[in-house]
Amino acid sequence: MWRAQIDAVGARHKAIAYDRRGFGETRAEPEEFSSVADLMAVIDALGDGAPAILVAGSQGGAVALDAALLHPAAVRALVLIAPNVSGSPEATYPPEVKALMAQQKHAQDAGDLDRLNAIKARLLLDGPLAPEGRVPGAPRRLFLDMNDIVLRSPPVGSNRDVAPAYPRLDEISAPALVLWGDLEFPHIQARSRHIATVMPHGSGHELSGTAHLPSLDRPAEIAALVAAFIDRCR
């Protein structure tokens, strides 16, 4: 998912990507765990001892924000792409998006994982405000392959990181770049703008013609933005 971004910055900076529990090639026993502790274990094992610049999207964005609150000295800066945030207000959907969410729930309740995967691609890759199939070819195949692993992985247990970050965003002093697409869920667009505004050293950038996963949809553009931000933070 992050290959283009790693290739863009790896020549000048050490770049690490890892699969969280239940994703990619990582497997875990069903147990209580901390996503932040997992992240810090990766940084401790593979980092160079300096504070890290965390680049994360969606659920990973929530982990990055939690890490910035729990371990501020270990986080140099943040790049957040349509991030989740623990403690965010409950999502509300316009009618056309609500219908798609109902289809997703029906497929999930029926255990139809192939249909559920296709709906996830429609919502996250194409965007709920765009036509189905907007993103074709290799990016779509990669999304379906990666998300199929997530859907079919056994339960990994419960995450202990439950303290809400949403009301504490103004405590995060690290420089932050927040990105979101204009084809994204409306509530995620609003949340991303809020994060960029509330964080003391945050800045926001709306991406035209993309949705929840621009690192797949627009890899070169995201790679350039990430590389430029890292250079400004060094």
C-alpha atoms as a PDB file:
ATOM      1  CA  MET A   1       0.000   0.000   0.000  1.00  0.00           C
ATOM      2  CA  TRP A   2       2.874   2.378   0.762  1.00  0.00           C
ATOM      3  CA  ARG A   3       5.373   1.110  -1.837  1.00  0.00           C
ATOM      4  CA  ALA A   4       5.423   4.282  -3.946  1.00  0.00           C
ATOM      5  CA  GLN A   5       5.915   6.471  -0.870  1.00  0.00           C
ATOM      6  CA  ILE A   6       8.697   4.268   0.502  1.00  0.00           C
ATOM      7  CA  ASP A   7      10.452   4.335  -2.869  1.00  0.00           C
ATOM      8  CA  ALA A   8      10.177   8.130  -2.948  1.00  0.00           C
ATOM      9  CA  VAL A   9      11.767   8.760   0.461  1.00  0.00           C
ATOM     10  CA  GLY A  10      13.867   5.632   0.972  1.00  0.00           C
ATOM     11  CA  ALA A  11      16.906   6.907  -0.901  1.00  0.00           C
ATOM     12  CA  ARG A  12      17.422   9.733   1.626  1.00  0.00           C
ATOM     13  CA  HIS A  13      15.645   8.559   4.772  1.00  0.00           C
ATOM     14  CA  LYS A  14      15.101   5.245   6.510  1.00  0.00           C
ATOM     15  CA  ALA A  15      11.531   4.185   5.721  1.00  0.00           C
ATOM     16  CA  ILE A  16       9.689   1.371   7.512  1.00  0.00           C
ATOM     17  CA  ALA A  17       6.247  -0.061   6.769  1.00  0.00           C
ATOM     18  CA  TYR A  18       4.699  -2.827   8.832  1.00  0.00           C
ATOM     19  CA  ASP A  19       1.519  -4.922   8.768  1.00  0.00           C
ATOM     20  CA  ARG A  20      -0.664  -4.417  11.831  1.00  0.00           C
ATOM     21  CA  ARG A  21      -2.343  -7.366  13.512  1.00  0.00           C
ATOM     22  CA  GLY A  22      -4.770  -9.023  11.120  1.00  0.00           C
ATOM     23  CA  PHE A  23      -3.303  -7.245   8.088  1.00  0.00           C
ATOM     24  CA  GLY A  24      -0.909  -8.490   5.419  1.00  0.00           C
ATOM     25  CA  GLU A  25       1.508 -11.150   6.627  1.00  0.00           C
ATOM     26  CA  THR A  26       1.158 -10.410  10.352  1.00  0.00           C
ATOM     27  CA  ARG A  27      -0.687 -12.961  12.445  1.00  0.00           C
ATOM     28  CA  ALA A  28      -1.559 -12.799  16.135  1.00  0.00           C
ATOM     29  CA  GLU A  29      -3.264 -14.810  18.816  1.00  0.00           C
ATOM     30  CA  PRO A  30      -6.624 -13.517  20.067  1.00  0.00           C
ATOM     31  CA  GLU A  31      -5.560 -11.484  23.101  1.00  0.00           C
ATOM     32  CA  GLU A  32      -5.642  -8.002  24.522  1.00  0.00           C
ATOM     33  CA  PHE A  33      -3.042  -5.765  22.886  1.00  0.00           C
ATOM     34  CA  SER A  34      -2.044  -2.164  22.317  1.00  0.00           C
ATOM     35  CA  SER A  35      -1.712  -0.913  18.746  1.00  0.00           C
ATOM     36  CA  VAL A  36       0.506   1.900  20.029  1.00  0.00           C
ATOM     37  CA  ALA A  37       2.766  -0.565  21.852  1.00  0.00           C
ATOM     38  CA  ASP A  38       3.010  -2.608  18.649  1.00  0.00           C
ATOM     39  CA  LEU A  39       4.027   0.524  16.734  1.00  0.00           C
ATOM     40  CA  MET A  40       6.607   1.491  19.338  1.00  0.00           C
ATOM     41  CA  ALA A  41       8.046  -2.042  19.276  1.00  0.00           C
ATOM     42  CA  VAL A  42       8.587  -1.728  15.518  1.00  0.00           C
ATOM     43  CA  ILE A  43      10.214   1.697  15.917  1.00  0.00           C
ATOM     44  CA  ASP A  44      12.437   0.465  18.757  1.00  0.00           C
ATOM     45  CA  ALA A  45      13.514  -2.608  16.785  1.00  0.00           C
ATOM     46  CA  LEU A  46      14.086  -1.008  13.385  1.00  0.00           C
ATOM     47  CA  GLY A  47      14.479   2.730  13.961  1.00  0.00           C
ATOM     48  CA  ASP A  48      17.683   4.647  14.507  1.00  0.00           C
ATOM     49  CA  GLY A  49      16.797   6.023  17.943  1.00  0.00           C
ATOM     50  CA  ALA A  50      15.673   9.404  16.656  1.00  0.00           C
ATOM     51  CA  PRO A  51      12.046  10.585  16.793  1.00  0.00           C
ATOM     52  CA  ALA A  52      10.035   9.162  13.912  1.00  0.00           C
ATOM     53  CA  ILE A  53       7.849  10.837  11.304  1.00  0.00           C
ATOM     54  CA  LEU A  54       4.662   8.776  11.211  1.00  0.00           C
ATOM     55  CA  VAL A  55       2.804   8.473   7.896  1.00  0.00           C
ATOM     56  CA  ALA A  56      -0.574   6.829   8.342  1.00  0.00           C
ATOM     57  CA  GLY A  57      -4.084   6.654   6.935  1.00  0.00           C
ATOM     58  CA  SER A  58      -7.516   5.613   8.128  1.00  0.00           C
ATOM     59  CA  GLN A  59      -7.234   3.297  11.178  1.00  0.00           C
ATOM     60  CA  GLY A  60      -3.473   3.780  11.145  1.00  0.00           C
ATOM     61  CA  GLY A  61      -4.074   7.488  11.585  1.00  0.00           C
ATOM     62  CA  ALA A  62      -5.779   6.803  14.902  1.00  0.00           C
ATOM     63  CA  VAL A  63      -2.772   4.743  16.018  1.00  0.00           C
ATOM     64  CA  ALA A  64      -0.403   7.554  15.000  1.00  0.00           C
ATOM     65  CA  LEU A  65      -2.412  10.185  16.895  1.00  0.00           C
ATOM     66  CA  ASP A  66      -2.601   7.970  19.988  1.00  0.00           C
ATOM     67  CA  ALA A  67       1.174   7.448  19.769  1.00  0.00           C
ATOM     68  CA  ALA A  68       1.778  11.200  19.519  1.00  0.00           C
ATOM     69  CA  LEU A  69      -0.195  11.696  22.739  1.00  0.00           C
ATOM     70  CA  LEU A  70       1.324   8.763  24.637  1.00  0.00           C
ATOM     71  CA  HIS A  71       4.917   9.113  23.401  1.00  0.00           C
ATOM     72  CA  PRO A  72       5.376  12.724  22.241  1.00  0.00           C
ATOM     73  CA  ALA A  73       9.178  12.580  22.445  1.00  0.00           C
ATOM     74  CA  ALA A  74       9.201   9.679  19.984  1.00  0.00           C
ATOM     75  CA  VAL A  75       7.131  11.432  17.291  1.00  0.00           C
ATOM     76  CA  ARG A  76       8.878  14.072  15.185  1.00  0.00           C
ATOM     77  CA  ALA A  77       5.953  14.805  12.854  1.00  0.00           C
ATOM     78  CA  LEU A  78       2.778  13.326  11.373  1.00  0.00           C
ATOM     79  CA  VAL A  79       1.346  12.821   7.899  1.00  0.00           C
ATOM     80  CA  LEU A  80      -2.286  11.776   8.308  1.00  0.00           C
ATOM     81  CA  ILE A  81      -4.419  10.673   5.356  1.00  0.00           C
ATOM     82  CA  ALA A  82      -8.175  10.666   6.101  1.00  0.00           C
ATOM     83  CA  PRO A  83      -7.382   9.573   9.663  1.00  0.00           C
ATOM     84  CA  ASN A  84      -9.651   7.922  12.156  1.00  0.00           C
ATOM     85  CA  VAL A  85      -9.520   9.484  15.617  1.00  0.00           C
ATOM     86  CA  SER A  86     -10.477   7.708  18.827  1.00  0.00           C
ATOM     87  CA  GLY A  87     -13.390   9.481  20.476  1.00  0.00           C
ATOM     88  CA  SER A  88     -14.666  11.136  17.275  1.00  0.00           C
ATOM     89  CA  PRO A  89     -18.341  12.099  17.026  1.00  0.00           C
ATOM     90  CA  GLU A  90     -20.556   9.402  15.548  1.00  0.00           C
ATOM     91  CA  ALA A  91     -20.709   9.469  11.751  1.00  0.00           C
ATOM     92  CA  THR A  92     -23.770  10.728   9.913  1.00  0.00           C
ATOM     93  CA  TYR A  93     -24.439   9.943   6.255  1.00  0.00           C
ATOM     94  CA  PRO A  94     -26.370  11.633   3.455  1.00  0.00           C
ATOM     95  CA  PRO A  95     -29.115   9.443   1.940  1.00  0.00           C
ATOM     96  CA  GLU A  96     -27.084   8.128  -1.008  1.00  0.00           C
ATOM     97  CA  VAL A  97     -24.214   7.092   1.264  1.00  0.00           C
ATOM     98  CA  LYS A  98     -26.605   5.630   3.838  1.00  0.00           C
ATOM     99  CA  ALA A  99     -27.932   3.280   1.137  1.00  0.00           C
ATOM    100  CA  LEU A 100     -24.404   2.028   0.405  1.00  0.00           C
ATOM    101  CA  MET A 101     -23.753   1.497   4.107  1.00  0.00           C
ATOM    102  CA  ALA A 102     -26.947  -0.570   4.301  1.00  0.00           C
ATOM    103  CA  GLN A 103     -25.683  -2.758   1.442  1.00  0.00           C
ATOM    104  CA  GLN A 104     -22.410  -3.233   3.285  1.00  0.00           C
ATOM    105  CA  LYS A 105     -24.184  -4.291   6.490  1.00  0.00           C
ATOM    106  CA  HIS A 106     -26.393  -6.721   4.586  1.00  0.00           C
ATOM    107  CA  ALA A 107     -23.361  -8.403   2.972  1.00  0.00           C
ATOM    108  CA  GLN A 108     -21.580  -8.553   6.326  1.00  0.00           C
ATOM    109  CA  ASP A 109     -24.590 -10.018   8.122  1.00  0.00           C
ATOM    110  CA  ALA A 110     -24.984 -12.606   5.344  1.00  0.00           C
ATOM    111  CA  GLY A 111     -21.316 -13.604   5.558  1.00  0.00           C
ATOM    112  CA  ASP A 112     -20.855 -12.823   1.850  1.00  0.00           C
ATOM    113  CA  LEU A 113     -17.194 -11.821   2.033  1.00  0.00           C
ATOM    114  CA  ASP A 114     -16.712 -11.460  -1.732  1.00  0.00           C
ATOM    115  CA  ARG A 115     -19.656  -9.066  -1.958  1.00  0.00           C
ATOM    116  CA  LEU A 116     -18.491  -7.257   1.167  1.00  0.00           C
ATOM    117  CA  ASN A 117     -15.028  -6.827  -0.322  1.00  0.00           C
ATOM    118  CA  ALA A 118     -16.499  -5.369  -3.512  1.00  0.00           C
ATOM    119  CA  ILE A 119     -18.585  -2.894  -1.508  1.00  0.00           C
ATOM    120  CA  LYS A 120     -15.515  -1.905   0.534  1.00  0.00           C
ATOM    121  CA  ALA A 121     -13.693  -1.136  -2.730  1.00  0.00           C
ATOM    122  CA  ARG A 122     -16.663   0.930  -3.847  1.00  0.00           C
ATOM    123  CA  LEU A 123     -16.696   2.926  -0.600  1.00  0.00           C
ATOM    124  CA  LEU A 124     -13.000   3.302   0.189  1.00  0.00           C
ATOM    125  CA  LEU A 125     -11.193   3.193  -3.147  1.00  0.00           C
ATOM    126  CA  ASP A 126     -13.736   4.736  -5.545  1.00  0.00           C
ATOM    127  CA  GLY A 127     -15.323   6.863  -2.844  1.00  0.00           C
ATOM    128  CA  PRO A 128     -18.986   6.998  -1.823  1.00  0.00           C
ATOM    129  CA  LEU A 129     -19.396  10.236  -3.795  1.00  0.00           C
ATOM    130  CA  ALA A 130     -17.970   8.746  -7.032  1.00  0.00           C
ATOM    131  CA  PRO A 131     -19.160   6.125  -9.545  1.00  0.00           C
ATOM    132  CA  GLU A 132     -18.367   2.475  -8.830  1.00  0.00           C
ATOM    133  CA  GLY A 133     -15.266   1.338 -10.719  1.00  0.00           C
ATOM    134  CA  ARG A 134     -13.672   4.789 -10.766  1.00  0.00           C
ATOM    135  CA  VAL A 135     -10.320   3.207  -9.851  1.00  0.00           C
ATOM    136  CA  PRO A 136      -9.662   0.205 -12.134  1.00  0.00           C
ATOM    137  CA  GLY A 137      -6.756  -2.109 -12.882  1.00  0.00           C
ATOM    138  CA  ALA A 138      -3.817  -2.885 -10.609  1.00  0.00           C
ATOM    139  CA  PRO A 139      -4.771  -0.561  -7.712  1.00  0.00           C
ATOM    140  CA  ARG A 140      -8.196  -2.178  -7.472  1.00  0.00           C
ATOM    141  CA  ARG A 141      -6.780  -5.706  -7.619  1.00  0.00           C
ATOM    142  CA  LEU A 142      -4.276  -4.800  -4.898  1.00  0.00           C
ATOM    143  CA  PHE A 143      -7.004  -3.359  -2.673  1.00  0.00           C
ATOM    144  CA  LEU A 144      -9.204  -6.433  -3.113  1.00  0.00           C
ATOM    145  CA  ASP A 145      -6.295  -8.774  -2.363  1.00  0.00           C
ATOM    146  CA  MET A 146      -5.230  -6.845   0.746  1.00  0.00           C
ATOM    147  CA  ASN A 147      -8.731  -6.369   2.086  1.00  0.00           C
ATOM    148  CA  ASP A 148      -9.596 -10.021   1.477  1.00  0.00           C
ATOM    149  CA  ILE A 149      -6.838 -10.912   3.964  1.00  0.00           C
ATOM    150  CA  VAL A 150      -8.394  -8.564   6.529  1.00  0.00           C
ATOM    151  CA  LEU A 151     -11.895  -9.957   6.034  1.00  0.00           C
ATOM    152  CA  ARG A 152     -10.776 -13.586   6.318  1.00  0.00           C
ATOM    153  CA  SER A 153      -8.279 -13.224   9.164  1.00  0.00           C
ATOM    154  CA  PRO A 154      -9.282 -14.732  12.510  1.00  0.00           C
ATOM    155  CA  PRO A 155     -10.009 -12.344  15.382  1.00  0.00           C
ATOM    156  CA  VAL A 156      -6.879 -10.797  16.905  1.00  0.00           C
ATOM    157  CA  GLY A 157      -8.383  -9.730  20.220  1.00  0.00           C
ATOM    158  CA  SER A 158      -9.258  -6.327  21.669  1.00  0.00           C
ATOM    159  CA  ASN A 159      -7.179  -3.167  21.527  1.00  0.00           C
ATOM    160  CA  ARG A 160      -6.427  -1.613  24.933  1.00  0.00           C
ATOM    161  CA  ASP A 161      -5.877   1.877  23.472  1.00  0.00           C
ATOM    162  CA  VAL A 162      -9.253   3.310  24.416  1.00  0.00           C
ATOM    163  CA  ALA A 163      -8.467   6.811  25.755  1.00  0.00           C
ATOM    164  CA  PRO A 164     -10.128   9.278  23.340  1.00  0.00           C
ATOM    165  CA  ALA A 165      -7.729  11.430  21.330  1.00  0.00           C
ATOM    166  CA  TYR A 166     -10.359  13.671  19.696  1.00  0.00           C
ATOM    167  CA  PRO A 167     -10.703  16.090  22.655  1.00  0.00           C
ATOM    168  CA  ARG A 168      -6.911  16.216  23.087  1.00  0.00           C
ATOM    169  CA  LEU A 169      -5.793  17.058  19.553  1.00  0.00           C
ATOM    170  CA  ASP A 170      -4.676  20.517  20.664  1.00  0.00           C
ATOM    171  CA  GLU A 171      -2.068  18.845  22.919  1.00  0.00           C
ATOM    172  CA  ILE A 172      -0.159  17.416  19.943  1.00  0.00           C
ATOM    173  CA  SER A 173       2.634  19.884  19.204  1.00  0.00           C
ATOM    174  CA  ALA A 174       4.342  17.917  16.414  1.00  0.00           C
ATOM    175  CA  PRO A 175       4.086  19.362  12.889  1.00  0.00           C
ATOM    176  CA  ALA A 176       1.285  17.600  11.020  1.00  0.00           C
ATOM    177  CA  LEU A 177       0.078  17.436   7.435  1.00  0.00           C
ATOM    178  CA  VAL A 178      -3.512  16.217   7.065  1.00  0.00           C
ATOM    179  CA  LEU A 179      -4.695  15.049   3.632  1.00  0.00           C
ATOM    180  CA  TRP A 180      -8.168  14.068   2.452  1.00  0.00           C
ATOM    181  CA  GLY A 181      -9.971  13.580  -0.850  1.00  0.00           C
ATOM    182  CA  ASP A 182     -13.011  15.446  -2.099  1.00  0.00           C
ATOM    183  CA  LEU A 183     -14.692  12.102  -2.993  1.00  0.00           C
ATOM    184  CA  GLU A 184     -14.314  10.928   0.615  1.00  0.00           C
ATOM    185  CA  PHE A 185     -17.143  10.351   3.107  1.00  0.00           C
ATOM    186  CA  PRO A 186     -18.399  13.828   4.046  1.00  0.00           C
ATOM    187  CA  HIS A 187     -17.915  13.227   7.772  1.00  0.00           C
ATOM    188  CA  ILE A 188     -14.281  12.171   7.210  1.00  0.00           C
ATOM    189  CA  GLN A 189     -13.657  15.302   5.165  1.00  0.00           C
ATOM    190  CA  ALA A 190     -15.069  17.393   8.015  1.00  0.00           C
ATOM    191  CA  ARG A 191     -13.057  15.466  10.608  1.00  0.00           C
ATOM    192  CA  SER A 192      -9.831  15.900   8.630  1.00  0.00           C
ATOM    193  CA  ARG A 193     -10.386  19.657   8.390  1.00  0.00           C
ATOM    194  CA  HIS A 194     -11.032  19.774  12.128  1.00  0.00           C
ATOM    195  CA  ILE A 195      -7.805  17.905  12.908  1.00  0.00           C
ATOM    196  CA  ALA A 196      -5.757  20.210  10.675  1.00  0.00           C
ATOM    197  CA  THR A 197      -7.309  23.266  12.334  1.00  0.00           C
ATOM    198  CA  VAL A 198      -7.128  22.182  15.985  1.00  0.00           C
ATOM    199  CA  MET A 199      -3.577  20.819  16.051  1.00  0.00           C
ATOM    200  CA  PRO A 200      -1.240  23.722  16.896  1.00  0.00           C
ATOM    201  CA  HIS A 201       1.148  22.999  14.023  1.00  0.00           C
ATOM    202  CA  GLY A 202      -1.289  21.291  11.685  1.00  0.00           C
ATOM    203  CA  SER A 203      -1.937  22.064   8.034  1.00  0.00           C
ATOM    204  CA  GLY A 204      -4.572  20.607   5.729  1.00  0.00           C
ATOM    205  CA  HIS A 205      -4.667  19.796   2.042  1.00  0.00           C
ATOM    206  CA  GLU A 206      -7.706  18.623   0.081  1.00  0.00           C
ATOM    207  CA  LEU A 207      -6.959  16.303  -2.823  1.00  0.00           C
ATOM    208  CA  SER A 208      -9.119  16.644  -5.906  1.00  0.00           C
ATOM    209  CA  GLY A 209     -10.667  13.550  -7.478  1.00  0.00           C
ATOM    210  CA  THR A 210      -9.712  10.950  -4.886  1.00  0.00           C
ATOM    211  CA  ALA A 211     -11.235   9.283  -1.837  1.00  0.00           C
ATOM    212  CA  HIS A 212     -10.068   7.345   1.239  1.00  0.00           C
ATOM    213  CA  LEU A 213      -6.942   5.664  -0.156  1.00  0.00           C
ATOM    214  CA  PRO A 214      -5.020   8.160  -2.291  1.00  0.00           C
ATOM    215  CA  SER A 215      -1.736   6.329  -1.664  1.00  0.00           C
ATOM    216  CA  LEU A 216      -3.193   3.602  -3.942  1.00  0.00           C
ATOM    217  CA  ASP A 217      -5.223   5.827  -6.229  1.00  0.00           C
ATOM    218  CA  ARG A 218      -2.673   8.640  -6.689  1.00  0.00           C
ATOM    219  CA  PRO A 219       0.646   7.146  -5.527  1.00  0.00           C
ATOM    220  CA  ALA A 220       2.991   9.610  -7.254  1.00  0.00           C
ATOM    221  CA  GLU A 221       1.135  12.675  -5.939  1.00  0.00           C
ATOM    222  CA  ILE A 222       1.061  11.354  -2.377  1.00  0.00           C
ATOM    223  CA  ALA A 223       4.714  10.332  -2.575  1.00  0.00           C
ATOM    224  CA  ALA A 224       5.686  13.853  -3.634  1.00  0.00           C
ATOM    225  CA  LEU A 225       3.655  15.461  -0.837  1.00  0.00           C
ATOM    226  CA  VAL A 226       5.105  13.106   1.782  1.00  0.00           C
ATOM    227  CA  ALA A 227       8.679  13.594   0.570  1.00  0.00           C
ATOM    228  CA  ALA A 228       8.345  17.391   0.541  1.00  0.00           C
ATOM    229  CA  PHE A 229       6.870  17.421   4.052  1.00  0.00           C
ATOM    230  CA  ILE A 230       9.632  15.183   5.412  1.00  0.00           C
ATOM    231  CA  ASP A 231      12.250  17.469   3.889  1.00  0.00           C
ATOM    232  CA  ARG A 232      10.643  20.480   5.617  1.00  0.00           C
ATOM    233  CA  CYS A 233      10.682  18.663   8.963  1.00  0.00           C
ATOM    234  CA  ARG A 234      14.342  17.662   8.830  1.00  0.00           C
END
